[in-house]
PDB file of N, CA and C in Angstrom:
ATOM      1  N   MET A   1     104.833 101.683 104.662  1.00  0.00           N
ATOM      2  CA  MET A   1     103.737 101.329 104.343  1.00  0.00           C
ATOM      3  C   MET A   1     103.663  99.553 104.364  1.00  0.00           C
ATOM      4  N   THR A   2     102.755  99.083 104.690  1.00  0.00           N
ATOM      5  CA  THR A   2     102.725  98.215 105.109  1.00  0.00           C
ATOM      6  C   THR A   2     101.991  97.210 103.994  1.00  0.00           C
ATOM      7  N   VAL A   3     102.040  96.134 103.243  1.00  0.00           N
ATOM      8  CA  VAL A   3     100.659  95.732 102.540  1.00  0.00           C
ATOM      9  C   VAL A   3      99.365  96.227 103.202  1.00  0.00           C
ATOM     10  N   GLN A   4      99.368  95.596 104.444  1.00  0.00           N
ATOM     11  CA  GLN A   4      97.684  95.843 104.976  1.00  0.00           C
ATOM     12  C   GLN A   4      97.171  97.390 105.117  1.00  0.00           C
ATOM     13  N   GLN A   5      98.500  97.931 105.110  1.00  0.00           N
ATOM     14  CA  GLN A   5      98.540  99.355 105.276  1.00  0.00           C
ATOM     15  C   GLN A   5      97.512 100.174 103.870  1.00  0.00           C
ATOM     16  N   GLU A   6      98.347  99.703 102.910  1.00  0.00           N
ATOM     17  CA  GLU A   6      98.269  99.990 101.871  1.00  0.00           C
ATOM     18  C   GLU A   6      96.447  99.186 101.102  1.00  0.00           C
ATOM     19  N   ALA A   7      95.663  98.308 102.199  1.00  0.00           N
ATOM     20  CA  ALA A   7      95.068  97.987 101.845  1.00  0.00           C
ATOM     21  C   ALA A   7      93.937  98.855 101.932  1.00  0.00           C
ATOM     22  N   GLY A   8      94.196  99.654 102.638  1.00  0.00           N
ATOM     23  CA  GLY A   8      93.224 100.554 103.418  1.00  0.00           C
ATOM     24  C   GLY A   8      92.569 101.519 102.093  1.00  0.00           C
ATOM     25  N   ALA A   9      93.562 102.081 100.691  1.00  0.00           N
ATOM     26  CA  ALA A   9      93.210 102.887 100.324  1.00  0.00           C
ATOM     27  C   ALA A   9      92.398 102.232  99.026  1.00  0.00           C
ATOM     28  N   GLY A  10      91.282 102.130  98.491  1.00  0.00           N
ATOM     29  CA  GLY A  10      90.212 101.467  97.409  1.00  0.00           C
ATOM     30  C   GLY A  10      90.635 100.046  97.118  1.00  0.00           C
ATOM     31  N   GLU A  11      91.048  99.265  98.594  1.00  0.00           N
ATOM     32  CA  GLU A  11      90.368  98.093  98.668  1.00  0.00           C
ATOM     33  C   GLU A  11      89.371  97.545  99.327  1.00  0.00           C
ATOM     34  N   ALA A  12      88.472  96.483  99.068  1.00  0.00           N
ATOM     35  CA  ALA A  12      87.366  96.598  99.821  1.00  0.00           C
ATOM     36  C   ALA A  12      86.686  95.538  99.583  1.00  0.00           C
ATOM     37  N   GLY A  13      86.163  95.094 100.304  1.00  0.00           N
ATOM     38  CA  GLY A  13      84.984  93.838 100.123  1.00  0.00           C
ATOM     39  C   GLY A  13      83.694  94.509  99.889  1.00  0.00           C
ATOM     40  N   ALA A  14      82.717  93.665  99.202  1.00  0.00           N
ATOM     41  CA  ALA A  14      81.403  94.352  99.550  1.00  0.00           C
ATOM     42  C   ALA A  14      80.930  94.788 100.237  1.00  0.00           C
ATOM     43  N   ASP A  15      81.123  94.203 101.236  1.00  0.00           N
ATOM     44  CA  ASP A  15      80.636  95.543 103.010  1.00  0.00           C
ATOM     45  C   ASP A  15      81.070  96.927 103.198  1.00  0.00           C
ATOM     46  N   GLY A  16      82.258  96.584 101.777  1.00  0.00           N
ATOM     47  CA  GLY A  16      83.353  97.916 102.679  1.00  0.00           C
ATOM     48  C   GLY A  16      84.177  98.159 102.790  1.00  0.00           C
ATOM     49  N   GLU A  17      84.571  96.897 103.905  1.00  0.00           N
ATOM     50  CA  GLU A  17      85.515  96.687 104.685  1.00  0.00           C
ATOM     51  C   GLU A  17      86.442  95.991 103.679  1.00  0.00           C
ATOM     52  N   ALA A  18      87.913  96.734 104.058  1.00  0.00           N
ATOM     53  CA  ALA A  18      89.761  96.108 103.306  1.00  0.00           C
ATOM     54  C   ALA A  18      89.462  94.773 103.621  1.00  0.00           C
ATOM     55  N   LEU A  19      89.871  93.941 102.314  1.00  0.00           N
ATOM     56  CA  LEU A  19      90.179  92.311 102.120  1.00  0.00           C
ATOM     57  C   LEU A  19      91.694  92.263 101.742  1.00  0.00           C
ATOM     58  N   GLU A  20      92.724  91.271 102.473  1.00  0.00           N
ATOM     59  CA  GLU A  20      93.755  90.690 101.915  1.00  0.00           C
ATOM     60  C   GLU A  20      93.400  89.207 101.542  1.00  0.00           C
ATOM     61  N   VAL A  21      94.427  88.407 100.550  1.00  0.00           N
ATOM     62  CA  VAL A  21      94.840  87.193 100.375  1.00  0.00           C
ATOM     63  C   VAL A  21      95.786  86.544 100.084  1.00  0.00           C
ATOM     64  N   TRP A  22      96.357  85.729 100.429  1.00  0.00           N
ATOM     65  CA  TRP A  22      96.902  84.945 100.748  1.00  0.00           C
ATOM     66  C   TRP A  22      96.844  83.233  99.714  1.00  0.00           C
ATOM     67  N   ILE A  23      98.336  82.849  99.767  1.00  0.00           N
ATOM     68  CA  ILE A  23      97.786  81.355  99.320  1.00  0.00           C
ATOM     69  C   ILE A  23      98.871  80.399 100.260  1.00  0.00           C
ATOM     70  N   ASP A  24      98.645  79.281 100.615  1.00  0.00           N
ATOM     71  CA  ASP A  24      98.851  78.028 101.203  1.00  0.00           C
ATOM     72  C   ASP A  24      99.644  77.673 100.496  1.00  0.00           C
ATOM     73  N   GLN A  25     101.402  77.164 100.350  1.00  0.00           N
ATOM     74  CA  GLN A  25     101.679  76.668  98.672  1.00  0.00           C
ATOM     75  C   GLN A  25     101.798  75.426  99.487  1.00  0.00           C
ATOM     76  N   ASP A  26     102.178  74.951 100.634  1.00  0.00           N
ATOM     77  CA  ASP A  26     101.760  73.807 101.218  1.00  0.00           C
ATOM     78  C   ASP A  26     100.467  72.751 100.595  1.00  0.00           C
ATOM     79  N   LEU A  27      99.923  73.730  99.939  1.00  0.00           N
ATOM     80  CA  LEU A  27      98.515  73.225  99.613  1.00  0.00           C
ATOM     81  C   LEU A  27      98.571  73.107  98.332  1.00  0.00           C
ATOM     82  N   CYS A  28      98.776  74.142  97.386  1.00  0.00           N
ATOM     83  CA  CYS A  28      98.637  74.382  95.616  1.00  0.00           C
ATOM     84  C   CYS A  28      98.788  73.104  95.409  1.00  0.00           C
ATOM     85  N   THR A  29      98.151  73.013  94.012  1.00  0.00           N
ATOM     86  CA  THR A  29      98.572  71.580  93.402  1.00  0.00           C
ATOM     87  C   THR A  29      99.139  72.417  92.494  1.00  0.00           C
ATOM     88  N   GLY A  30      98.902  73.571  92.007  1.00  0.00           N
ATOM     89  CA  GLY A  30      99.647  74.273  90.897  1.00  0.00           C
ATOM     90  C   GLY A  30      99.007  74.182  90.014  1.00  0.00           C
ATOM     91  N   ASP A  31      97.514  74.429  89.648  1.00  0.00           N
ATOM     92  CA  ASP A  31      96.750  74.074  88.865  1.00  0.00           C
ATOM     93  C   ASP A  31      96.860  75.444  87.713  1.00  0.00           C
ATOM     94  N   GLY A  32      96.965  76.721  88.755  1.00  0.00           N
ATOM     95  CA  GLY A  32      96.947  77.425  87.655  1.00  0.00           C
ATOM     96  C   GLY A  32      96.049  78.025  87.672  1.00  0.00           C
ATOM     97  N   ILE A  33      94.964  78.357  87.879  1.00  0.00           N
ATOM     98  CA  ILE A  33      93.273  78.739  88.128  1.00  0.00           C
ATOM     99  C   ILE A  33      93.155  79.742  88.366  1.00  0.00           C
ATOM    100  N   CYS A  34      93.790  79.966  89.768  1.00  0.00           N
ATOM    101  CA  CYS A  34      94.147  81.415  90.340  1.00  0.00           C
ATOM    102  C   CYS A  34      94.612  82.520  89.749  1.00  0.00           C
ATOM    103  N   ALA A  35      95.201  82.489  88.467  1.00  0.00           N
ATOM    104  CA  ALA A  35      96.545  82.834  87.378  1.00  0.00           C
ATOM    105  C   ALA A  35      95.788  83.313  86.494  1.00  0.00           C
ATOM    106  N   GLN A  36      94.590  82.014  86.150  1.00  0.00           N
ATOM    107  CA  GLN A  36      93.219  82.511  84.981  1.00  0.00           C
ATOM    108  C   GLN A  36      92.338  83.324  85.650  1.00  0.00           C
ATOM    109  N   TYR A  37      91.846  83.295  86.848  1.00  0.00           N
ATOM    110  CA  TYR A  37      91.163  84.118  87.006  1.00  0.00           C
ATOM    111  C   TYR A  37      90.992  85.498  87.517  1.00  0.00           C
ATOM    112  N   ALA A  38      92.702  85.881  88.005  1.00  0.00           N
ATOM    113  CA  ALA A  38      92.930  87.175  88.554  1.00  0.00           C
ATOM    114  C   ALA A  38      94.811  86.793  88.442  1.00  0.00           C
ATOM    115  N   PRO A  39      94.461  87.466  87.028  1.00  0.00           N
ATOM    116  CA  PRO A  39      96.750  87.787  86.864  1.00  0.00           C
ATOM    117  C   PRO A  39      96.751  88.680  87.417  1.00  0.00           C
ATOM    118  N   GLU A  40      96.207  89.818  87.852  1.00  0.00           N
ATOM    119  CA  GLU A  40      96.796  90.526  88.158  1.00  0.00           C
ATOM    120  C   GLU A  40      97.117  90.445  90.121  1.00  0.00           C
ATOM    121  N   VAL A  41      96.676  89.500  90.378  1.00  0.00           N
ATOM    122  CA  VAL A  41      96.749  88.806  92.030  1.00  0.00           C
ATOM    123  C   VAL A  41      97.900  88.013  92.265  1.00  0.00           C
ATOM    124  N   PHE A  42      97.577  86.990  91.159  1.00  0.00           N
ATOM    125  CA  PHE A  42      98.194  85.659  91.431  1.00  0.00           C
ATOM    126  C   PHE A  42      99.383  85.364  90.532  1.00  0.00           C
ATOM    127  N   GLU A  43     100.093  84.437  90.989  1.00  0.00           N
ATOM    128  CA  GLU A  43     101.134  84.192  89.391  1.00  0.00           C
ATOM    129  C   GLU A  43     101.746  82.809  90.241  1.00  0.00           C
ATOM    130  N   LEU A  44     102.274  81.447  89.192  1.00  0.00           N
ATOM    131  CA  LEU A  44     102.632  80.585  89.246  1.00  0.00           C
ATOM    132  C   LEU A  44     104.368  81.172  89.364  1.00  0.00           C
ATOM    133  N   ASP A  45     105.102  80.532  90.030  1.00  0.00           N
ATOM    134  CA  ASP A  45     106.286  80.750  89.664  1.00  0.00           C
ATOM    135  C   ASP A  45     107.255  79.390  89.089  1.00  0.00           C
ATOM    136  N   ILE A  46     108.271  79.558  89.127  1.00  0.00           N
ATOM    137  CA  ILE A  46     109.216  78.262  88.528  1.00  0.00           C
ATOM    138  C   ILE A  46     108.563  77.153  89.364  1.00  0.00           C
ATOM    139  N   ASP A  47     109.045  77.271  90.429  1.00  0.00           N
ATOM    140  CA  ASP A  47     108.700  75.746  91.652  1.00  0.00           C
ATOM    141  C   ASP A  47     107.715  75.635  91.214  1.00  0.00           C
ATOM    142  N   GLY A  48     106.276  75.730  90.590  1.00  0.00           N
ATOM    143  CA  GLY A  48     105.268  75.425  89.477  1.00  0.00           C
ATOM    144  C   GLY A  48     104.508  75.289  90.919  1.00  0.00           C
ATOM    145  N   LEU A  49     103.958  76.708  91.778  1.00  0.00           N
ATOM    146  CA  LEU A  49     103.362  76.658  92.982  1.00  0.00           C
ATOM    147  C   LEU A  49     102.948  78.364  92.364  1.00  0.00           C
ATOM    148  N   ALA A  50     101.627  78.562  93.070  1.00  0.00           N
ATOM    149  CA  ALA A  50     101.057  80.244  92.736  1.00  0.00           C
ATOM    150  C   ALA A  50     101.289  80.741  94.021  1.00  0.00           C
ATOM    151  N   TYR A  51     101.490  82.333  93.750  1.00  0.00           N
ATOM    152  CA  TYR A  51     101.791  82.817  95.051  1.00  0.00           C
ATOM    153  C   TYR A  51     101.175  84.080  94.553  1.00  0.00           C
ATOM    154  N   VAL A  52     100.755  85.297  95.981  1.00  0.00           N
ATOM    155  CA  VAL A  52      99.963  86.441  95.152  1.00  0.00           C
ATOM    156  C   VAL A  52     101.070  87.551  94.878  1.00  0.00           C
ATOM    157  N   LYS A  53     100.972  88.326  94.137  1.00  0.00           N
ATOM    158  CA  LYS A  53     101.538  89.924  93.698  1.00  0.00           C
ATOM    159  C   LYS A  53     101.269  90.446  94.637  1.00  0.00           C
ATOM    160  N   SER A  54     102.609  91.299  94.667  1.00  0.00           N
ATOM    161  CA  SER A  54     101.730  93.001  95.304  1.00  0.00           C
ATOM    162  C   SER A  54     101.195  94.140  94.354  1.00  0.00           C
ATOM    163  N   PRO A  55     100.522  94.669  94.967  1.00  0.00           N
ATOM    164  CA  PRO A  55     100.045  96.044  94.266  1.00  0.00           C
ATOM    165  C   PRO A  55     100.721  96.723  93.463  1.00  0.00           C
ATOM    166  N   GLY A  56     102.693  96.734  93.343  1.00  0.00           N
ATOM    167  CA  GLY A  56     103.214  97.204  92.751  1.00  0.00           C
ATOM    168  C   GLY A  56     103.754  95.708  91.368  1.00  0.00           C
ATOM    169  N   ASP A  57     102.667  94.811  91.297  1.00  0.00           N
ATOM    170  CA  ASP A  57     103.182  93.490  90.584  1.00  0.00           C
ATOM    171  C   ASP A  57     105.033  93.030  90.760  1.00  0.00           C
ATOM    172  N   GLU A  58     104.968  92.796  92.284  1.00  0.00           N
ATOM    173  CA  GLU A  58     105.949  91.658  92.877  1.00  0.00           C
ATOM    174  C   GLU A  58     105.592  90.724  93.424  1.00  0.00           C
ATOM    175  N   LEU A  59     106.121  89.598  93.451  1.00  0.00           N
ATOM    176  CA  LEU A  59     105.994  88.036  93.185  1.00  0.00           C
ATOM    177  C   LEU A  59     106.051  88.195  94.824  1.00  0.00           C
ATOM    178  N   LEU A  60     105.220  87.527  95.835  1.00  0.00           N
ATOM    179  CA  LEU A  60     105.880  87.766  97.288  1.00  0.00           C
ATOM    180  C   LEU A  60     105.846  86.235  97.033  1.00  0.00           C
ATOM    181  N   GLN A  61     106.855  85.659  97.445  1.00  0.00           N
ATOM    182  CA  GLN A  61     106.990  84.420  97.965  1.00  0.00           C
ATOM    183  C   GLN A  61     107.105  84.048  99.571  1.00  0.00           C
ATOM    184  N   THR A  62     107.196  85.070 100.032  1.00  0.00           N
ATOM    185  CA  THR A  62     107.473  84.422 101.463  1.00  0.00           C
ATOM    186  C   THR A  62     106.326  83.901 102.314  1.00  0.00           C
ATOM    187  N   PRO A  63     106.346  82.820 102.626  1.00  0.00           N
ATOM    188  CA  PRO A  63     105.176  82.150 103.301  1.00  0.00           C
ATOM    189  C   PRO A  63     103.882  82.819 103.646  1.00  0.00           C
ATOM    190  N   GLY A  64     102.965  82.732 103.836  1.00  0.00           N
ATOM    191  CA  GLY A  64     101.713  83.522 104.304  1.00  0.00           C
ATOM    192  C   GLY A  64     101.817  85.142 103.976  1.00  0.00           C
ATOM    193  N   ALA A  65     102.563  85.247 103.221  1.00  0.00           N
ATOM    194  CA  ALA A  65     102.356  86.664 102.316  1.00  0.00           C
ATOM    195  C   ALA A  65     101.135  87.424 102.131  1.00  0.00           C
ATOM    196  N   THR A  66     100.550  88.245 102.290  1.00  0.00           N
ATOM    197  CA  THR A  66      99.343  88.333 102.004  1.00  0.00           C
ATOM    198  C   THR A  66      99.539  90.093 100.686  1.00  0.00           C
ATOM    199  N   THR A  67      98.691  90.093 100.401  1.00  0.00           N
ATOM    200  CA  THR A  67      98.336  91.713  99.261  1.00  0.00           C
ATOM    201  C   THR A  67      96.857  91.713  99.589  1.00  0.00           C
ATOM    202  N   PRO A  68      96.699  92.863  99.613  1.00  0.00           N
ATOM    203  CA  PRO A  68      95.057  93.548  98.880  1.00  0.00           C
ATOM    204  C   PRO A  68      94.651  93.030  97.863  1.00  0.00           C
ATOM    205  N   VAL A  69      93.391  93.151  98.277  1.00  0.00           N
ATOM    206  CA  VAL A  69      91.709  92.288  97.294  1.00  0.00           C
ATOM    207  C   VAL A  69      91.913  93.623  96.713  1.00  0.00           C
ATOM    208  N   PRO A  70      91.968  94.397  95.455  1.00  0.00           N
ATOM    209  CA  PRO A  70      91.171  95.448  94.571  1.00  0.00           C
ATOM    210  C   PRO A  70      89.689  94.782  94.290  1.00  0.00           C
ATOM    211  N   LEU A  71      88.705  95.925  95.042  1.00  0.00           N
ATOM    212  CA  LEU A  71      87.196  96.014  94.565  1.00  0.00           C
ATOM    213  C   LEU A  71      87.097  95.609  93.371  1.00  0.00           C
ATOM    214  N   THR A  72      87.884  95.798  92.606  1.00  0.00           N
ATOM    215  CA  THR A  72      87.520  95.360  91.154  1.00  0.00           C
ATOM    216  C   THR A  72      87.852  93.797  90.886  1.00  0.00           C
ATOM    217  N   LEU A  73      88.522  93.701  91.715  1.00  0.00           N
ATOM    218  CA  LEU A  73      88.990  92.137  91.318  1.00  0.00           C
ATOM    219  C   LEU A  73      88.631  91.000  92.145  1.00  0.00           C
ATOM    220  N   LEU A  74      87.294  92.219  92.839  1.00  0.00           N
ATOM    221  CA  LEU A  74      86.428  91.044  94.143  1.00  0.00           C
ATOM    222  C   LEU A  74      86.499  89.424  93.726  1.00  0.00           C
ATOM    223  N   ARG A  75      85.184  90.051  92.583  1.00  0.00           N
ATOM    224  CA  ARG A  75      84.399  88.192  92.213  1.00  0.00           C
ATOM    225  C   ARG A  75      85.961  87.673  91.771  1.00  0.00           C
ATOM    226  N   ASP A  76      86.603  88.042  90.771  1.00  0.00           N
ATOM    227  CA  ASP A  76      87.579  86.971  90.194  1.00  0.00           C
ATOM    228  C   ASP A  76      88.670  86.140  91.539  1.00  0.00           C
ATOM    229  N   VAL A  77      88.802  87.064  92.453  1.00  0.00           N
ATOM    230  CA  VAL A  77      89.421  86.191  93.553  1.00  0.00           C
ATOM    231  C   VAL A  77      88.614  85.551  94.235  1.00  0.00           C
ATOM    232  N   ALA A  78      87.603  85.783  94.339  1.00  0.00           N
ATOM    233  CA  ALA A  78      86.239  85.106  95.268  1.00  0.00           C
ATOM    234  C   ALA A  78      86.474  83.811  94.641  1.00  0.00           C
ATOM    235  N   ASP A  79      86.568  83.984  93.502  1.00  0.00           N
ATOM    236  CA  ASP A  79      86.108  83.117  92.146  1.00  0.00           C
ATOM    237  C   ASP A  79      87.273  81.435  92.304  1.00  0.00           C
ATOM    238  N   SER A  80      88.643  82.308  92.024  1.00  0.00           N
ATOM    239  CA  SER A  80      89.829  81.558  92.553  1.00  0.00           C
ATOM    240  C   SER A  80      89.670  81.076  93.856  1.00  0.00           C
ATOM    241  N   ALA A  81      89.301  81.598  95.002  1.00  0.00           N
ATOM    242  CA  ALA A  81      89.210  80.469  96.047  1.00  0.00           C
ATOM    243  C   ALA A  81      88.195  79.636  95.572  1.00  0.00           C
ATOM    244  N   LYS A  82      87.068  79.857  95.398  1.00  0.00           N
ATOM    245  CA  LYS A  82      86.005  78.904  94.679  1.00  0.00           C
ATOM    246  C   LYS A  82      86.474  77.344  94.104  1.00  0.00           C
ATOM    247  N   GLU A  83      87.445  77.626  93.042  1.00  0.00           N
ATOM    248  CA  GLU A  83      87.367  77.020  92.397  1.00  0.00           C
ATOM    249  C   GLU A  83      88.893  76.390  92.342  1.00  0.00           C
ATOM    250  N   CYS A  84      89.094  76.758  93.480  1.00  0.00           N
ATOM    251  CA  CYS A  84      90.901  75.939  93.555  1.00  0.00           C
ATOM    252  C   CYS A  84      90.904  74.192  94.033  1.00  0.00           C
ATOM    253  N   PRO A  85      91.988  73.600  93.113  1.00  0.00           N
ATOM    254  CA  PRO A  85      91.620  72.091  93.884  1.00  0.00           C
ATOM    255  C   PRO A  85      92.388  71.779  94.837  1.00  0.00           C
ATOM    256  N   GLY A  86      93.176  72.658  95.461  1.00  0.00           N
ATOM    257  CA  GLY A  86      94.302  72.692  96.103  1.00  0.00           C
ATOM    258  C   GLY A  86      93.617  73.319  97.708  1.00  0.00           C
ATOM    259  N   ASP A  87      92.290  73.863  97.205  1.00  0.00           N
ATOM    260  CA  ASP A  87      91.737  74.929  98.510  1.00  0.00           C
ATOM    261  C   ASP A  87      92.816  75.538  99.693  1.00  0.00           C
ATOM    262  N   CYS A  88      93.339  76.278  98.969  1.00  0.00           N
ATOM    263  CA  CYS A  88      94.500  76.952  99.593  1.00  0.00           C
ATOM    264  C   CYS A  88      94.519  78.225  99.093  1.00  0.00           C
ATOM    265  N   ILE A  89      93.943  79.316  98.981  1.00  0.00           N
ATOM    266  CA  ILE A  89      93.343  80.459  98.435  1.00  0.00           C
ATOM    267  C   ILE A  89      93.157  80.923  99.600  1.00  0.00           C
ATOM    268  N   HIS A  90      93.274  82.012 100.485  1.00  0.00           N
ATOM    269  CA  HIS A  90      92.374  82.681 101.807  1.00  0.00           C
ATOM    270  C   HIS A  90      91.924  83.686 101.438  1.00  0.00           C
ATOM    271  N   VAL A  91      90.996  84.276 101.613  1.00  0.00           N
ATOM    272  CA  VAL A  91      90.710  85.695 101.316  1.00  0.00           C
ATOM    273  C   VAL A  91      90.146  86.076 102.751  1.00  0.00           C
ATOM    274  N   ARG A  92      91.358  86.985 103.485  1.00  0.00           N
ATOM    275  CA  ARG A  92      90.296  87.556 104.794  1.00  0.00           C
ATOM    276  C   ARG A  92      90.031  89.213 104.778  1.00  0.00           C
ATOM    277  N   ARG A  93      89.176  89.587 106.324  1.00  0.00           N
ATOM    278  CA  ARG A  93      89.249  91.449 106.139  1.00  0.00           C
ATOM    279  C   ARG A  93      90.249  91.114 106.841  1.00  0.00           C
ATOM    280  N   VAL A  94      90.970  92.370 106.478  1.00  0.00           N
ATOM    281  CA  VAL A  94      92.366  93.419 107.014  1.00  0.00           C
ATOM    282  C   VAL A  94      91.090  93.628 108.611  1.00  0.00           C
ATOM    283  N   SER A  95      90.678  93.916 108.881  1.00  0.00           N
ATOM    284  CA  SER A  95      90.471  94.733 110.020  1.00  0.00           C
ATOM    285  C   SER A  95      90.351  93.337 111.374  1.00  0.00           C
ATOM    286  N   ASP A  96      90.003  92.235 111.232  1.00  0.00           N
ATOM    287  CA  ASP A  96      89.618  91.151 112.543  1.00  0.00           C
ATOM    288  C   ASP A  96      90.400  89.489 111.476  1.00  0.00           C
ATOM    289  N   SER A  97      91.194  90.109 110.793  1.00  0.00           N
ATOM    290  CA  SER A  97      91.136  88.372 110.050  1.00  0.00           C
ATOM    291  C   SER A  97      90.263  87.253 109.685  1.00  0.00           C
ATOM    292  N   VAL A  98      88.825  87.723 109.455  1.00  0.00           N
ATOM    293  CA  VAL A  98      88.189  86.423 109.651  1.00  0.00           C
ATOM    294  C   VAL A  98      88.151  86.315 108.582  1.00  0.00           C
ATOM    295  N   GLU A  99      87.868  84.910 107.458  1.00  0.00           N
ATOM    296  CA  GLU A  99      88.137  84.534 106.472  1.00  0.00           C
ATOM    297  C   GLU A  99      86.534  84.181 105.970  1.00  0.00           C
ATOM    298  N   VAL A 100      86.737  85.025 104.518  1.00  0.00           N
ATOM    299  CA  VAL A 100      84.744  85.331 104.035  1.00  0.00           C
ATOM    300  C   VAL A 100      85.053  84.909 102.666  1.00  0.00           C
ATOM    301  N   TYR A 101      86.517  84.516 101.777  1.00  0.00           N
ATOM    302  CA  TYR A 101      86.218  83.116 101.045  1.00  0.00           C
ATOM    303  C   TYR A 101      87.624  82.077 101.157  1.00  0.00           C
ATOM    304  N   GLY A 102      87.074  81.356 100.837  1.00  0.00           N
ATOM    305  CA  GLY A 102      87.641  79.795 101.241  1.00  0.00           C
ATOM    306  C   GLY A 102      87.782  79.098 101.981  1.00  0.00           C
ATOM    307  N   PRO A 103      88.291  78.038 101.751  1.00  0.00           N
ATOM    308  CA  PRO A 103      88.326  76.132 102.742  1.00  0.00           C
ATOM    309  C   PRO A 103      88.146  76.921 104.386  1.00  0.00           C
ATOM    310  N   ASP A 104      88.500  77.712 105.040  1.00  0.00           N
ATOM    311  CA  ASP A 104      87.930  78.462 106.328  1.00  0.00           C
ATOM    312  C   ASP A 104      86.683  79.348 106.887  1.00  0.00           C
ATOM    313  N   ALA A 105      86.567  79.535 105.517  1.00  0.00           N
ATOM    314  CA  ALA A 105      85.368  80.573 105.371  1.00  0.00           C
ATOM    315  C   ALA A 105      83.983  79.671 105.936  1.00  0.00           C
ATOM    316  N   GLU A 106      83.339  80.804 106.622  1.00  0.00           N
ATOM    317  CA  GLU A 106      82.024  80.610 107.745  1.00  0.00           C
ATOM    318  C   GLU A 106      80.689  80.806 106.750  1.00  0.00           C
TER     319      GLU A 106
END
């Protein structure tokens, strides 16, 4: 089962749609704001950059790796995207990949 498929179970945005988040490490400034807001979802690695974590708490270091956004952490993840000084956190709907929070959100 992929991370995206796992997102369907209990992971949803305010409108009931499954959401996922990813970080563009090329833009990450390493401030760690995301890990402060949502340590269950984000973590700084030894390289000083932030990465998303799998639902099983594994650091996902593949470029563009996504992880589901748990409904209980939606506000924290959205705040992370809004406050990120590098504008590198992207939260999008799984169904159509439309960004709902982050630098490319409409």
